[in-house]
Amino acid sequence: LGYKKDNRRETILKMLRAKGEITIKDVSYLMSGISEKTLQRELLAMVKEGILAKEGERRWSRYLLKHEA
């Protein structure tokens, strides 16, 4: 089951709305077949674009929805 980029982002956003914050492990558990490296790049891209905020470093990183000001 290949996730396209938009689907990946949609799934990530759905998880965040449900849980408040997520880790790479949370996402990779839900999206089997996608490497953690790919998911990490996706999450970091979303941080760069101002969609998500990142807390913590390396494997303790957590991602949160950036609150609209």
C-alpha atoms as a PDB file:
ATOM      1  CA  LEU A   1       0.000   0.000   0.000  1.00  0.00           C
ATOM      2  CA  GLY A   2       1.856   3.082  -1.187  1.00  0.00           C
ATOM      3  CA  TYR A   3       0.988   6.365   0.415  1.00  0.00           C
ATOM      4  CA  LYS A   4       1.230   9.389  -1.796  1.00  0.00           C
ATOM      5  CA  LYS A   5       2.666  12.558  -0.316  1.00  0.00           C
ATOM      6  CA  ASP A   6      -0.735  14.229   0.164  1.00  0.00           C
ATOM      7  CA  ASN A   7      -2.146  11.125   1.828  1.00  0.00           C
ATOM      8  CA  ARG A   8       0.863  10.982   4.141  1.00  0.00           C
ATOM      9  CA  ARG A   9       0.347  14.552   5.203  1.00  0.00           C
ATOM     10  CA  GLU A  10      -3.382  14.052   5.628  1.00  0.00           C
ATOM     11  CA  THR A  11      -2.760  11.023   7.840  1.00  0.00           C
ATOM     12  CA  ILE A  12      -0.159  12.904   9.888  1.00  0.00           C
ATOM     13  CA  LEU A  13      -2.561  15.823  10.386  1.00  0.00           C
ATOM     14  CA  LYS A  14      -5.416  13.484  11.361  1.00  0.00           C
ATOM     15  CA  MET A  15      -3.192  11.816  13.946  1.00  0.00           C
ATOM     16  CA  LEU A  16      -2.153  15.171  15.349  1.00  0.00           C
ATOM     17  CA  ARG A  17      -5.736  16.361  15.646  1.00  0.00           C
ATOM     18  CA  ALA A  18      -6.595  13.161  17.504  1.00  0.00           C
ATOM     19  CA  LYS A  19      -3.534  12.890  19.757  1.00  0.00           C
ATOM     20  CA  GLY A  20      -2.178  16.415  20.085  1.00  0.00           C
ATOM     21  CA  GLU A  21       1.392  15.298  19.477  1.00  0.00           C
ATOM     22  CA  ILE A  22       3.092  12.437  17.669  1.00  0.00           C
ATOM     23  CA  THR A  23       6.461  10.787  17.291  1.00  0.00           C
ATOM     24  CA  ILE A  24       8.022   9.173  14.224  1.00  0.00           C
ATOM     25  CA  LYS A  25       7.228   5.807  15.834  1.00  0.00           C
ATOM     26  CA  ASP A  26       3.519   6.690  16.051  1.00  0.00           C
ATOM     27  CA  VAL A  27       3.414   7.580  12.380  1.00  0.00           C
ATOM     28  CA  SER A  28       5.459   4.623  11.163  1.00  0.00           C
ATOM     29  CA  TYR A  29       3.234   2.266  13.148  1.00  0.00           C
ATOM     30  CA  LEU A  30       0.213   3.613  11.293  1.00  0.00           C
ATOM     31  CA  MET A  31       1.845   3.847   7.868  1.00  0.00           C
ATOM     32  CA  SER A  32       3.539   0.533   7.276  1.00  0.00           C
ATOM     33  CA  GLY A  33       5.666   0.333   4.172  1.00  0.00           C
ATOM     34  CA  ILE A  34       7.152   3.801   4.556  1.00  0.00           C
ATOM     35  CA  SER A  35      10.601   4.082   6.088  1.00  0.00           C
ATOM     36  CA  GLU A  36      11.094   6.170   9.205  1.00  0.00           C
ATOM     37  CA  LYS A  37      13.632   8.206   7.225  1.00  0.00           C
ATOM     38  CA  THR A  38      10.956   9.163   4.689  1.00  0.00           C
ATOM     39  CA  LEU A  39       8.497  10.032   7.443  1.00  0.00           C
ATOM     40  CA  GLN A  40      11.131  12.072   9.212  1.00  0.00           C
ATOM     41  CA  ARG A  41      11.814  14.055   6.032  1.00  0.00           C
ATOM     42  CA  GLU A  42       8.081  14.632   5.616  1.00  0.00           C
ATOM     43  CA  LEU A  43       7.650  15.811   9.223  1.00  0.00           C
ATOM     44  CA  LEU A  44      10.682  18.093   8.996  1.00  0.00           C
ATOM     45  CA  ALA A  45       9.401  19.549   5.730  1.00  0.00           C
ATOM     46  CA  MET A  46       6.083  20.281   7.445  1.00  0.00           C
ATOM     47  CA  VAL A  47       7.987  21.971  10.289  1.00  0.00           C
ATOM     48  CA  LYS A  48       9.912  24.066   7.767  1.00  0.00           C
ATOM     49  CA  GLU A  49       6.662  25.085   6.071  1.00  0.00           C
ATOM     50  CA  GLY A  50       5.264  26.213   9.408  1.00  0.00           C
ATOM     51  CA  ILE A  51       2.561  23.518   9.595  1.00  0.00           C
ATOM     52  CA  LEU A  52       4.095  21.665  12.540  1.00  0.00           C
ATOM     53  CA  ALA A  53       6.260  22.494  15.516  1.00  0.00           C
ATOM     54  CA  LYS A  54       9.011  20.164  16.716  1.00  0.00           C
ATOM     55  CA  GLU A  55      10.031  19.609  20.326  1.00  0.00           C
ATOM     56  CA  GLY A  56      12.974  17.607  21.569  1.00  0.00           C
ATOM     57  CA  GLU A  57      15.952  16.144  19.770  1.00  0.00           C
ATOM     58  CA  ARG A  58      16.658  12.995  17.781  1.00  0.00           C
ATOM     59  CA  ARG A  59      14.642  10.031  18.960  1.00  0.00           C
ATOM     60  CA  TRP A  60      12.908  12.095  21.612  1.00  0.00           C
ATOM     61  CA  SER A  61      11.475  14.420  18.997  1.00  0.00           C
ATOM     62  CA  ARG A  62       7.776  15.100  19.179  1.00  0.00           C
ATOM     63  CA  TYR A  63       5.740  16.903  16.564  1.00  0.00           C
ATOM     64  CA  LEU A  64       2.779  19.133  17.288  1.00  0.00           C
ATOM     65  CA  LEU A  65       0.380  21.157  15.203  1.00  0.00           C
ATOM     66  CA  LYS A  66       1.531  24.746  15.115  1.00  0.00           C
ATOM     67  CA  HIS A  67      -1.142  26.898  16.671  1.00  0.00           C
ATOM     68  CA  GLU A  68      -2.511  29.597  14.456  1.00  0.00           C
ATOM     69  CA  ALA A  69      -1.684  32.987  15.926  1.00  0.00           C
END
